[in-house]
Amino acid sequence: MDSIKMDLDGRLKETINFQSEMLHYGLYTSGYKRIFQADIPWHWHDEFEFGTITGGSVAYQTSRRTITLHKGDGIFINSGVLHYLHPIEPFENARLQTQFFDRTFLAGAPGSLLDIRYVTPVQEMRQLDVIPFYRDDPESARFLDRMQEGVRLCLEKGEFFELRLRSLFSELWETIYRCAMQSRDASKGVRDVLEDGRIKQMILYIQKHFPEKLTVASIAASIPVSERECYRLFQSSIGVTPVEYLLSVRLQNACLMLMNTRKTVLDIALETGFGSSSYFGRVFYRNYHLTPVQYRKLSRSKAQVSKT
């Protein structure tokens, strides 16, 4: 069992650590004392994800929608889907468990009968980004209870737990497959694949170059597309302008530096592309209602409490 953390490669792709090289299943949990110290940035992974909110509330955002989940709710995230997590205040209450597995966990070798018939059609259905499950819905509640059985099996690691995990998720997959078939729309899926690729490239460019003096023109040229198309892709995919996204990346990195380094506010402002401490301070306060110094003190005091 691992704490939730981000290990991204150069394409915003998260690396998932499995139970073993022979069992492509992984369980991550935020635990009871670990808190969200910042948003989990835009990322994706090849693996399928089943998440459960175990405390507080969390907003999941994809290129198509935003879904807010509360304690007891859960979500399925399809392979390759770009997504972002934002804890809802009070941030320290937000906790979650995520179970990951790849296509071989369910279907064995790629190209097998099970893979071709049941797994690949879901994985390639790009319009199926997420499926939320709400605790107050009886049918969803039964699904969520079965998801929790997977957590129990993984933690206890009793006799035959690997076989039981695979059997359990094969059962859950029937629900996912039915949902996928109900939302099937081949023409829309092709269009979404193209747009997903473009927005991922521009997001990656911003994440690599955020300390520099970026403009919409330079972001658009990284693909390349026109500035107008750049604006359209950002608005239609993640609901913000390119400049707003750039600002969010700079703030996320500034927050991490405030929490984890002793660098001065000026140094952090310069290293994250804000240019001056005064401008950094204004933008930071407008977004967090705290000064950078206040945020640093508060985050460190909470970190100390979480260790006790």
C-alpha atoms as a PDB file:
ATOM      1  CA  MET A   1       0.000   0.000   0.000  1.00  0.00           C
ATOM      2  CA  ASP A   2       1.486   3.324  -1.090  1.00  0.00           C
ATOM      3  CA  SER A   3       0.745   6.942  -0.272  1.00  0.00           C
ATOM      4  CA  ILE A   4      -0.714   8.946  -3.126  1.00  0.00           C
ATOM      5  CA  LYS A   5       2.060  10.686  -5.010  1.00  0.00           C
ATOM      6  CA  MET A   6       2.746  11.811  -8.533  1.00  0.00           C
ATOM      7  CA  ASP A   7       5.520  10.244 -10.585  1.00  0.00           C
ATOM      8  CA  LEU A   8       5.171  11.767 -14.062  1.00  0.00           C
ATOM      9  CA  ASP A   9       7.279  11.160 -17.122  1.00  0.00           C
ATOM     10  CA  GLY A  10       7.916  13.706 -19.853  1.00  0.00           C
ATOM     11  CA  ARG A  11       4.393  13.279 -21.278  1.00  0.00           C
ATOM     12  CA  LEU A  12       2.381  13.923 -18.060  1.00  0.00           C
ATOM     13  CA  LYS A  13       2.023  10.154 -17.803  1.00  0.00           C
ATOM     14  CA  GLU A  14       1.886   8.805 -14.243  1.00  0.00           C
ATOM     15  CA  THR A  15       3.926   5.725 -13.409  1.00  0.00           C
ATOM     16  CA  ILE A  16       1.888   3.212 -11.410  1.00  0.00           C
ATOM     17  CA  ASN A  17       3.644   0.858  -8.982  1.00  0.00           C
ATOM     18  CA  PHE A  18       2.042  -2.591  -9.010  1.00  0.00           C
ATOM     19  CA  GLN A  19       1.963  -5.209  -6.255  1.00  0.00           C
ATOM     20  CA  SER A  20       4.485  -7.166  -8.323  1.00  0.00           C
ATOM     21  CA  GLU A  21       5.649  -7.497 -11.903  1.00  0.00           C
ATOM     22  CA  MET A  22       3.461 -10.589 -12.104  1.00  0.00           C
ATOM     23  CA  LEU A  23       0.288  -8.967 -10.691  1.00  0.00           C
ATOM     24  CA  HIS A  24      -0.519  -5.710 -12.485  1.00  0.00           C
ATOM     25  CA  TYR A  25      -2.711  -4.287  -9.722  1.00  0.00           C
ATOM     26  CA  GLY A  26      -1.853  -1.450  -7.341  1.00  0.00           C
ATOM     27  CA  LEU A  27      -3.514   0.126  -4.301  1.00  0.00           C
ATOM     28  CA  TYR A  28      -2.724   3.708  -3.312  1.00  0.00           C
ATOM     29  CA  THR A  29      -4.206   5.417  -0.274  1.00  0.00           C
ATOM     30  CA  SER A  30      -3.870   8.851   1.307  1.00  0.00           C
ATOM     31  CA  GLY A  31      -4.182   7.271   4.754  1.00  0.00           C
ATOM     32  CA  TYR A  32      -5.706   8.939   7.786  1.00  0.00           C
ATOM     33  CA  LYS A  33      -2.930  11.378   8.637  1.00  0.00           C
ATOM     34  CA  ARG A  34      -1.734  12.388   5.191  1.00  0.00           C
ATOM     35  CA  ILE A  35      -3.455  15.464   3.699  1.00  0.00           C
ATOM     36  CA  PHE A  36      -3.661  16.975   0.255  1.00  0.00           C
ATOM     37  CA  GLN A  37      -1.091  19.758   0.276  1.00  0.00           C
ATOM     38  CA  ALA A  38      -1.911  20.845  -3.277  1.00  0.00           C
ATOM     39  CA  ASP A  39      -4.041  19.885  -6.245  1.00  0.00           C
ATOM     40  CA  ILE A  40      -3.037  16.740  -8.115  1.00  0.00           C
ATOM     41  CA  PRO A  41      -2.083  18.265 -11.500  1.00  0.00           C
ATOM     42  CA  TRP A  42      -3.249  17.247 -14.959  1.00  0.00           C
ATOM     43  CA  HIS A  43      -1.951  13.770 -15.736  1.00  0.00           C
ATOM     44  CA  TRP A  44      -2.904  10.447 -17.303  1.00  0.00           C
ATOM     45  CA  HIS A  45      -1.945   6.781 -17.138  1.00  0.00           C
ATOM     46  CA  ASP A  46      -2.458   3.657 -19.248  1.00  0.00           C
ATOM     47  CA  GLU A  47      -3.990   1.827 -16.305  1.00  0.00           C
ATOM     48  CA  PHE A  48      -7.682   1.842 -15.401  1.00  0.00           C
ATOM     49  CA  GLU A  49      -8.426   3.606 -12.109  1.00  0.00           C
ATOM     50  CA  PHE A  50     -11.104   2.949  -9.493  1.00  0.00           C
ATOM     51  CA  GLY A  51     -11.135   5.685  -6.828  1.00  0.00           C
ATOM     52  CA  THR A  52     -13.042   5.957  -3.557  1.00  0.00           C
ATOM     53  CA  ILE A  53     -13.347   9.126  -1.454  1.00  0.00           C
ATOM     54  CA  THR A  54     -12.636   8.131   2.140  1.00  0.00           C
ATOM     55  CA  GLY A  55     -12.814  11.627   3.637  1.00  0.00           C
ATOM     56  CA  GLY A  56     -13.989  15.123   2.726  1.00  0.00           C
ATOM     57  CA  SER A  57     -14.744  16.014  -0.886  1.00  0.00           C
ATOM     58  CA  VAL A  58     -12.717  15.998  -4.093  1.00  0.00           C
ATOM     59  CA  ALA A  59     -13.456  17.497  -7.531  1.00  0.00           C
ATOM     60  CA  TYR A  60     -12.324  15.420 -10.516  1.00  0.00           C
ATOM     61  CA  GLN A  61     -11.913  17.340 -13.758  1.00  0.00           C
ATOM     62  CA  THR A  62     -11.438  15.867 -17.232  1.00  0.00           C
ATOM     63  CA  SER A  63     -11.421  17.532 -20.629  1.00  0.00           C
ATOM     64  CA  ARG A  64     -15.193  17.069 -20.756  1.00  0.00           C
ATOM     65  CA  ARG A  65     -16.579  17.722 -17.287  1.00  0.00           C
ATOM     66  CA  THR A  66     -16.078  18.299 -13.584  1.00  0.00           C
ATOM     67  CA  ILE A  67     -17.496  15.874 -11.028  1.00  0.00           C
ATOM     68  CA  THR A  68     -17.533  16.561  -7.284  1.00  0.00           C
ATOM     69  CA  LEU A  69     -17.486  13.500  -5.061  1.00  0.00           C
ATOM     70  CA  HIS A  70     -18.008  13.279  -1.315  1.00  0.00           C
ATOM     71  CA  LYS A  71     -17.054  10.746   1.330  1.00  0.00           C
ATOM     72  CA  GLY A  72     -18.274   7.315   0.296  1.00  0.00           C
ATOM     73  CA  ASP A  73     -18.573   8.133  -3.421  1.00  0.00           C
ATOM     74  CA  GLY A  74     -16.325   6.629  -6.069  1.00  0.00           C
ATOM     75  CA  ILE A  75     -15.234   6.910  -9.692  1.00  0.00           C
ATOM     76  CA  PHE A  76     -13.921   4.900 -12.637  1.00  0.00           C
ATOM     77  CA  ILE A  77     -11.329   6.645 -14.835  1.00  0.00           C
ATOM     78  CA  ASN A  78     -10.633   5.161 -18.231  1.00  0.00           C
ATOM     79  CA  SER A  79      -7.151   4.431 -19.559  1.00  0.00           C
ATOM     80  CA  GLY A  80      -5.387   7.420 -21.127  1.00  0.00           C
ATOM     81  CA  VAL A  81      -7.815  10.049 -19.806  1.00  0.00           C
ATOM     82  CA  LEU A  82      -6.292  13.407 -18.894  1.00  0.00           C
ATOM     83  CA  HIS A  83      -7.581  14.374 -15.425  1.00  0.00           C
ATOM     84  CA  TYR A  84      -7.017  16.725 -12.495  1.00  0.00           C
ATOM     85  CA  LEU A  85      -7.956  16.481  -8.785  1.00  0.00           C
ATOM     86  CA  HIS A  86      -8.854  19.368  -6.519  1.00  0.00           C
ATOM     87  CA  PRO A  87      -9.652  18.871  -2.792  1.00  0.00           C
ATOM     88  CA  ILE A  88     -12.645  20.856  -1.546  1.00  0.00           C
ATOM     89  CA  GLU A  89     -12.257  22.953   1.607  1.00  0.00           C
ATOM     90  CA  PRO A  90     -11.398  22.110   4.285  1.00  0.00           C
ATOM     91  CA  PHE A  91      -8.516  20.599   2.321  1.00  0.00           C
ATOM     92  CA  GLU A  92      -7.139  18.566   5.211  1.00  0.00           C
ATOM     93  CA  ASN A  93     -10.301  16.411   5.277  1.00  0.00           C
ATOM     94  CA  ALA A  94      -9.834  15.179   1.690  1.00  0.00           C
ATOM     95  CA  ARG A  95      -8.675  11.561   1.510  1.00  0.00           C
ATOM     96  CA  LEU A  96      -8.987   8.881  -1.117  1.00  0.00           C
ATOM     97  CA  GLN A  97      -8.075   5.356  -2.095  1.00  0.00           C
ATOM     98  CA  THR A  98      -7.286   4.388  -5.668  1.00  0.00           C
ATOM     99  CA  GLN A  99      -7.019   0.939  -7.195  1.00  0.00           C
ATOM    100  CA  PHE A 100      -5.195   0.617 -10.517  1.00  0.00           C
ATOM    101  CA  PHE A 101      -4.792  -2.256 -12.948  1.00  0.00           C
ATOM    102  CA  ASP A 102      -3.884  -2.676 -16.584  1.00  0.00           C
ATOM    103  CA  ARG A 103      -5.570  -4.671 -19.336  1.00  0.00           C
ATOM    104  CA  THR A 104      -3.445  -7.785 -18.701  1.00  0.00           C
ATOM    105  CA  PHE A 105      -4.754  -8.025 -15.122  1.00  0.00           C
ATOM    106  CA  LEU A 106      -8.244  -8.714 -16.466  1.00  0.00           C
ATOM    107  CA  ALA A 107      -7.640 -10.330 -19.830  1.00  0.00           C
ATOM    108  CA  GLY A 108      -4.166 -11.841 -19.820  1.00  0.00           C
ATOM    109  CA  ALA A 109      -2.023 -11.295 -22.890  1.00  0.00           C
ATOM    110  CA  PRO A 110      -2.969  -8.459 -25.276  1.00  0.00           C
ATOM    111  CA  GLY A 111      -4.930  -9.865 -28.183  1.00  0.00           C
ATOM    112  CA  SER A 112      -6.605 -12.609 -26.156  1.00  0.00           C
ATOM    113  CA  LEU A 113     -10.315 -13.283 -26.615  1.00  0.00           C
ATOM    114  CA  LEU A 114     -11.184 -11.481 -23.347  1.00  0.00           C
ATOM    115  CA  ASP A 115      -8.997  -8.515 -24.267  1.00  0.00           C
ATOM    116  CA  ILE A 116     -10.468  -8.099 -27.750  1.00  0.00           C
ATOM    117  CA  ARG A 117     -14.066  -8.626 -26.722  1.00  0.00           C
ATOM    118  CA  TYR A 118     -14.353  -6.863 -23.367  1.00  0.00           C
ATOM    119  CA  VAL A 119     -11.322  -4.693 -22.492  1.00  0.00           C
ATOM    120  CA  THR A 120     -10.094  -3.040 -25.695  1.00  0.00           C
ATOM    121  CA  PRO A 121     -13.555  -1.676 -26.643  1.00  0.00           C
ATOM    122  CA  VAL A 122     -13.681   0.227 -23.344  1.00  0.00           C
ATOM    123  CA  GLN A 123     -10.068   1.396 -23.486  1.00  0.00           C
ATOM    124  CA  GLU A 124     -10.466   2.741 -27.015  1.00  0.00           C
ATOM    125  CA  MET A 125     -13.759   4.515 -26.313  1.00  0.00           C
ATOM    126  CA  ARG A 126     -12.328   7.996 -25.798  1.00  0.00           C
ATOM    127  CA  GLN A 127     -15.715   9.606 -25.135  1.00  0.00           C
ATOM    128  CA  LEU A 128     -15.998   7.419 -22.027  1.00  0.00           C
ATOM    129  CA  ASP A 129     -13.719   9.397 -19.711  1.00  0.00           C
ATOM    130  CA  VAL A 130     -15.114   8.669 -16.236  1.00  0.00           C
ATOM    131  CA  ILE A 131     -18.076   7.002 -14.558  1.00  0.00           C
ATOM    132  CA  PRO A 132     -19.069   8.400 -11.131  1.00  0.00           C
ATOM    133  CA  PHE A 133     -20.688   6.238  -8.455  1.00  0.00           C
ATOM    134  CA  TYR A 134     -22.681   7.931  -5.714  1.00  0.00           C
ATOM    135  CA  ARG A 135     -23.205   6.360  -2.297  1.00  0.00           C
ATOM    136  CA  ASP A 136     -26.835   7.544  -2.061  1.00  0.00           C
ATOM    137  CA  ASP A 137     -27.784   5.549  -5.173  1.00  0.00           C
ATOM    138  CA  PRO A 138     -28.562   1.921  -4.190  1.00  0.00           C
ATOM    139  CA  GLU A 139     -27.116   0.361  -7.353  1.00  0.00           C
ATOM    140  CA  SER A 140     -23.951   2.482  -7.145  1.00  0.00           C
ATOM    141  CA  ALA A 141     -23.659   1.678  -3.427  1.00  0.00           C
ATOM    142  CA  ARG A 142     -23.502  -2.038  -4.209  1.00  0.00           C
ATOM    143  CA  PHE A 143     -20.765  -1.378  -6.771  1.00  0.00           C
ATOM    144  CA  LEU A 144     -18.816   0.744  -4.248  1.00  0.00           C
ATOM    145  CA  ASP A 145     -19.073  -1.980  -1.602  1.00  0.00           C
ATOM    146  CA  ARG A 146     -17.570  -4.465  -4.042  1.00  0.00           C
ATOM    147  CA  MET A 147     -14.758  -1.988  -4.799  1.00  0.00           C
ATOM    148  CA  GLN A 148     -13.981  -1.859  -1.085  1.00  0.00           C
ATOM    149  CA  GLU A 149     -13.723  -5.634  -1.072  1.00  0.00           C
ATOM    150  CA  GLY A 150     -10.739  -5.192  -3.396  1.00  0.00           C
ATOM    151  CA  VAL A 151      -9.048  -2.935  -0.833  1.00  0.00           C
ATOM    152  CA  ARG A 152      -9.655  -5.505   1.889  1.00  0.00           C
ATOM    153  CA  LEU A 153      -8.254  -8.355  -0.204  1.00  0.00           C
ATOM    154  CA  CYS A 154      -5.124  -6.359  -1.058  1.00  0.00           C
ATOM    155  CA  LEU A 155      -4.456  -5.288   2.531  1.00  0.00           C
ATOM    156  CA  GLU A 156      -5.002  -8.722   4.062  1.00  0.00           C
ATOM    157  CA  LYS A 157      -3.194 -10.680   1.299  1.00  0.00           C
ATOM    158  CA  GLY A 158      -4.793 -13.907   2.409  1.00  0.00           C
ATOM    159  CA  GLU A 159      -4.715 -17.247   0.649  1.00  0.00           C
ATOM    160  CA  PHE A 160      -5.678 -16.997  -3.046  1.00  0.00           C
ATOM    161  CA  PHE A 161      -6.054 -13.187  -2.801  1.00  0.00           C
ATOM    162  CA  GLU A 162      -4.658 -12.691  -6.314  1.00  0.00           C
ATOM    163  CA  LEU A 163      -7.295 -15.002  -7.808  1.00  0.00           C
ATOM    164  CA  ARG A 164     -10.031 -13.343  -5.772  1.00  0.00           C
ATOM    165  CA  LEU A 165      -8.913  -9.851  -6.822  1.00  0.00           C
ATOM    166  CA  ARG A 166      -9.034 -10.776 -10.484  1.00  0.00           C
ATOM    167  CA  SER A 167     -12.426 -12.444 -10.068  1.00  0.00           C
ATOM    168  CA  LEU A 168     -13.782  -9.403  -8.221  1.00  0.00           C
ATOM    169  CA  PHE A 169     -12.664  -6.895 -10.855  1.00  0.00           C
ATOM    170  CA  SER A 170     -13.922  -9.128 -13.660  1.00  0.00           C
ATOM    171  CA  GLU A 171     -17.323  -8.854 -11.976  1.00  0.00           C
ATOM    172  CA  LEU A 172     -17.014  -5.061 -11.639  1.00  0.00           C
ATOM    173  CA  TRP A 173     -15.894  -4.817 -15.250  1.00  0.00           C
ATOM    174  CA  GLU A 174     -19.280  -6.060 -16.432  1.00  0.00           C
ATOM    175  CA  THR A 175     -20.807  -2.803 -15.146  1.00  0.00           C
ATOM    176  CA  ILE A 176     -18.082  -0.701 -16.778  1.00  0.00           C
ATOM    177  CA  TYR A 177     -18.485  -2.533 -20.078  1.00  0.00           C
ATOM    178  CA  ARG A 178     -22.267  -2.031 -20.111  1.00  0.00           C
ATOM    179  CA  CYS A 179     -21.852   1.692 -19.422  1.00  0.00           C
ATOM    180  CA  ALA A 180     -19.316   1.924 -22.244  1.00  0.00           C
ATOM    181  CA  MET A 181     -21.616   0.218 -24.732  1.00  0.00           C
ATOM    182  CA  GLN A 182     -24.477   2.535 -23.792  1.00  0.00           C
ATOM    183  CA  SER A 183     -22.371   5.639 -24.502  1.00  0.00           C
ATOM    184  CA  ARG A 184     -20.804   4.390 -27.721  1.00  0.00           C
ATOM    185  CA  ASP A 185     -20.410   7.020 -30.471  1.00  0.00           C
ATOM    186  CA  ALA A 186     -17.604   6.140 -32.878  1.00  0.00           C
ATOM    187  CA  SER A 187     -17.460   9.436 -34.786  1.00  0.00           C
ATOM    188  CA  LYS A 188     -17.225  11.553 -31.646  1.00  0.00           C
ATOM    189  CA  GLY A 189     -14.547   9.231 -30.309  1.00  0.00           C
ATOM    190  CA  VAL A 190     -12.240   9.835 -33.290  1.00  0.00           C
ATOM    191  CA  ARG A 191     -12.538  13.601 -32.944  1.00  0.00           C
ATOM    192  CA  ASP A 192     -11.830  13.471 -29.211  1.00  0.00           C
ATOM    193  CA  VAL A 193      -8.625  11.454 -29.722  1.00  0.00           C
ATOM    194  CA  LEU A 194      -7.196  14.200 -31.944  1.00  0.00           C
ATOM    195  CA  GLU A 195      -8.104  16.974 -29.516  1.00  0.00           C
ATOM    196  CA  ASP A 196      -6.783  15.021 -26.515  1.00  0.00           C
ATOM    197  CA  GLY A 197      -3.407  14.685 -28.232  1.00  0.00           C
ATOM    198  CA  ARG A 198      -3.176  18.393 -28.981  1.00  0.00           C
ATOM    199  CA  ILE A 199      -4.129  19.585 -25.492  1.00  0.00           C
ATOM    200  CA  LYS A 200      -1.724  17.091 -23.902  1.00  0.00           C
ATOM    201  CA  GLN A 201       1.134  18.466 -26.011  1.00  0.00           C
ATOM    202  CA  MET A 202       0.388  22.082 -25.062  1.00  0.00           C
ATOM    203  CA  ILE A 203      -0.032  21.242 -21.374  1.00  0.00           C
ATOM    204  CA  LEU A 204       3.289  19.413 -21.441  1.00  0.00           C
ATOM    205  CA  TYR A 205       4.941  22.416 -23.101  1.00  0.00           C
ATOM    206  CA  ILE A 206       3.646  24.730 -20.362  1.00  0.00           C
ATOM    207  CA  GLN A 207       4.722  22.350 -17.597  1.00  0.00           C
ATOM    208  CA  LYS A 208       8.235  22.201 -19.030  1.00  0.00           C
ATOM    209  CA  HIS A 209       8.622  25.931 -19.724  1.00  0.00           C
ATOM    210  CA  PHE A 210       6.463  27.670 -17.071  1.00  0.00           C
ATOM    211  CA  PRO A 211       9.419  29.596 -15.527  1.00  0.00           C
ATOM    212  CA  GLU A 212      10.017  31.267 -18.898  1.00  0.00           C
ATOM    213  CA  LYS A 213       8.216  34.245 -20.450  1.00  0.00           C
ATOM    214  CA  LEU A 214       5.435  32.373 -22.243  1.00  0.00           C
ATOM    215  CA  THR A 215       2.742  33.843 -24.467  1.00  0.00           C
ATOM    216  CA  VAL A 216      -0.326  32.342 -26.101  1.00  0.00           C
ATOM    217  CA  ALA A 217       1.571  32.618 -29.395  1.00  0.00           C
ATOM    218  CA  SER A 218       4.494  30.541 -28.098  1.00  0.00           C
ATOM    219  CA  ILE A 219       2.159  27.950 -26.554  1.00  0.00           C
ATOM    220  CA  ALA A 220       0.207  27.643 -29.825  1.00  0.00           C
ATOM    221  CA  ALA A 221       3.432  27.396 -31.825  1.00  0.00           C
ATOM    222  CA  SER A 222       4.559  24.380 -29.788  1.00  0.00           C
ATOM    223  CA  ILE A 223       2.124  22.129 -31.761  1.00  0.00           C
ATOM    224  CA  PRO A 224       1.680  24.243 -33.990  1.00  0.00           C
ATOM    225  CA  VAL A 225      -1.864  25.656 -34.180  1.00  0.00           C
ATOM    226  CA  SER A 226      -3.247  29.179 -34.453  1.00  0.00           C
ATOM    227  CA  GLU A 227      -3.724  31.269 -31.309  1.00  0.00           C
ATOM    228  CA  ARG A 228      -7.474  31.103 -31.854  1.00  0.00           C
ATOM    229  CA  GLU A 229      -7.369  27.293 -32.009  1.00  0.00           C
ATOM    230  CA  CYS A 230      -5.157  27.270 -28.921  1.00  0.00           C
ATOM    231  CA  TYR A 231      -7.778  29.250 -26.983  1.00  0.00           C
ATOM    232  CA  ARG A 232     -10.550  26.974 -28.272  1.00  0.00           C
ATOM    233  CA  LEU A 233      -8.738  23.766 -27.306  1.00  0.00           C
ATOM    234  CA  PHE A 234      -8.038  24.968 -23.770  1.00  0.00           C
ATOM    235  CA  GLN A 235     -11.592  26.208 -23.242  1.00  0.00           C
ATOM    236  CA  SER A 236     -13.262  23.117 -24.685  1.00  0.00           C
ATOM    237  CA  SER A 237     -10.882  20.626 -23.077  1.00  0.00           C
ATOM    238  CA  ILE A 238     -10.156  21.912 -19.562  1.00  0.00           C
ATOM    239  CA  GLY A 239     -12.381  24.988 -19.249  1.00  0.00           C
ATOM    240  CA  VAL A 240      -9.698  27.667 -18.829  1.00  0.00           C
ATOM    241  CA  THR A 241      -7.647  29.936 -21.095  1.00  0.00           C
ATOM    242  CA  PRO A 242      -3.980  29.125 -21.840  1.00  0.00           C
ATOM    243  CA  VAL A 243      -2.903  32.024 -19.599  1.00  0.00           C
ATOM    244  CA  GLU A 244      -5.112  30.839 -16.735  1.00  0.00           C
ATOM    245  CA  TYR A 245      -3.635  27.360 -17.013  1.00  0.00           C
ATOM    246  CA  LEU A 246      -0.081  28.752 -17.094  1.00  0.00           C
ATOM    247  CA  LEU A 247      -0.852  30.747 -13.944  1.00  0.00           C
ATOM    248  CA  SER A 248      -2.205  27.654 -12.182  1.00  0.00           C
ATOM    249  CA  VAL A 249       0.975  25.695 -12.989  1.00  0.00           C
ATOM    250  CA  ARG A 250       3.148  28.498 -11.631  1.00  0.00           C
ATOM    251  CA  LEU A 251       1.064  28.682  -8.446  1.00  0.00           C
ATOM    252  CA  GLN A 252       1.162  24.896  -7.940  1.00  0.00           C
ATOM    253  CA  ASN A 253       4.937  24.873  -8.220  1.00  0.00           C
ATOM    254  CA  ALA A 254       5.230  27.914  -5.957  1.00  0.00           C
ATOM    255  CA  CYS A 255       3.116  26.154  -3.312  1.00  0.00           C
ATOM    256  CA  LEU A 256       5.370  23.101  -3.407  1.00  0.00           C
ATOM    257  CA  MET A 257       8.480  25.266  -3.060  1.00  0.00           C
ATOM    258  CA  LEU A 258       6.957  27.190  -0.149  1.00  0.00           C
ATOM    259  CA  MET A 259       6.182  23.924   1.631  1.00  0.00           C
ATOM    260  CA  ASN A 260       9.318  21.968   0.842  1.00  0.00           C
ATOM    261  CA  THR A 261      12.184  24.479   0.585  1.00  0.00           C
ATOM    262  CA  ARG A 262      13.627  27.394   2.543  1.00  0.00           C
ATOM    263  CA  LYS A 263      13.955  29.606  -0.512  1.00  0.00           C
ATOM    264  CA  THR A 264      12.891  33.218  -0.134  1.00  0.00           C
ATOM    265  CA  VAL A 265       9.605  34.475  -1.558  1.00  0.00           C
ATOM    266  CA  LEU A 266      11.570  36.502  -4.119  1.00  0.00           C
ATOM    267  CA  ASP A 267      13.567  33.478  -5.263  1.00  0.00           C
ATOM    268  CA  ILE A 268      10.381  31.433  -5.603  1.00  0.00           C
ATOM    269  CA  ALA A 269       8.690  34.229  -7.545  1.00  0.00           C
ATOM    270  CA  LEU A 270      11.595  34.390  -9.990  1.00  0.00           C
ATOM    271  CA  GLU A 271      11.953  30.619 -10.353  1.00  0.00           C
ATOM    272  CA  THR A 272       8.256  30.129 -11.113  1.00  0.00           C
ATOM    273  CA  GLY A 273       7.984  32.859 -13.727  1.00  0.00           C
ATOM    274  CA  PHE A 274       6.201  35.607 -11.787  1.00  0.00           C
ATOM    275  CA  GLY A 275       9.047  38.063 -12.238  1.00  0.00           C
ATOM    276  CA  SER A 276       8.702  39.956  -8.937  1.00  0.00           C
ATOM    277  CA  SER A 277       7.722  39.201  -5.354  1.00  0.00           C
ATOM    278  CA  SER A 278       5.060  41.938  -5.351  1.00  0.00           C
ATOM    279  CA  TYR A 279       3.239  40.525  -8.384  1.00  0.00           C
ATOM    280  CA  PHE A 280       3.627  36.998  -7.027  1.00  0.00           C
ATOM    281  CA  GLY A 281       2.162  38.096  -3.694  1.00  0.00           C
ATOM    282  CA  ARG A 282      -0.884  39.738  -5.321  1.00  0.00           C
ATOM    283  CA  VAL A 283      -1.670  36.736  -7.515  1.00  0.00           C
ATOM    284  CA  PHE A 284      -1.089  34.300  -4.665  1.00  0.00           C
ATOM    285  CA  TYR A 285      -3.392  36.185  -2.283  1.00  0.00           C
ATOM    286  CA  ARG A 286      -6.106  36.497  -4.939  1.00  0.00           C
ATOM    287  CA  ASN A 287      -6.132  32.714  -5.381  1.00  0.00           C
ATOM    288  CA  TYR A 288      -5.519  31.431  -1.847  1.00  0.00           C
ATOM    289  CA  HIS A 289      -6.572  34.351   0.394  1.00  0.00           C
ATOM    290  CA  LEU A 290      -3.206  34.017   2.141  1.00  0.00           C
ATOM    291  CA  THR A 291       0.167  35.632   1.607  1.00  0.00           C
ATOM    292  CA  PRO A 292       2.985  33.274   0.545  1.00  0.00           C
ATOM    293  CA  VAL A 293       4.518  33.586   4.036  1.00  0.00           C
ATOM    294  CA  GLN A 294       1.192  32.763   5.716  1.00  0.00           C
ATOM    295  CA  TYR A 295       0.735  29.766   3.400  1.00  0.00           C
ATOM    296  CA  ARG A 296       4.221  28.481   4.241  1.00  0.00           C
ATOM    297  CA  LYS A 297       3.587  28.711   7.991  1.00  0.00           C
ATOM    298  CA  LEU A 298       0.144  27.106   7.741  1.00  0.00           C
ATOM    299  CA  SER A 299       1.241  24.207   5.533  1.00  0.00           C
ATOM    300  CA  ARG A 300       4.195  23.417   7.778  1.00  0.00           C
ATOM    301  CA  SER A 301       2.091  23.520  10.935  1.00  0.00           C
ATOM    302  CA  LYS A 302      -0.420  21.120   9.356  1.00  0.00           C
ATOM    303  CA  ALA A 303       2.399  18.827   8.263  1.00  0.00           C
ATOM    304  CA  GLN A 304       3.638  18.681  11.843  1.00  0.00           C
ATOM    305  CA  VAL A 305       0.158  17.853  13.110  1.00  0.00           C
ATOM    306  CA  SER A 306      -0.246  15.078  10.522  1.00  0.00           C
ATOM    307  CA  LYS A 307       2.921  13.384  11.802  1.00  0.00           C
ATOM    308  CA  THR A 308       1.686  13.210  15.384  1.00  0.00           C
END
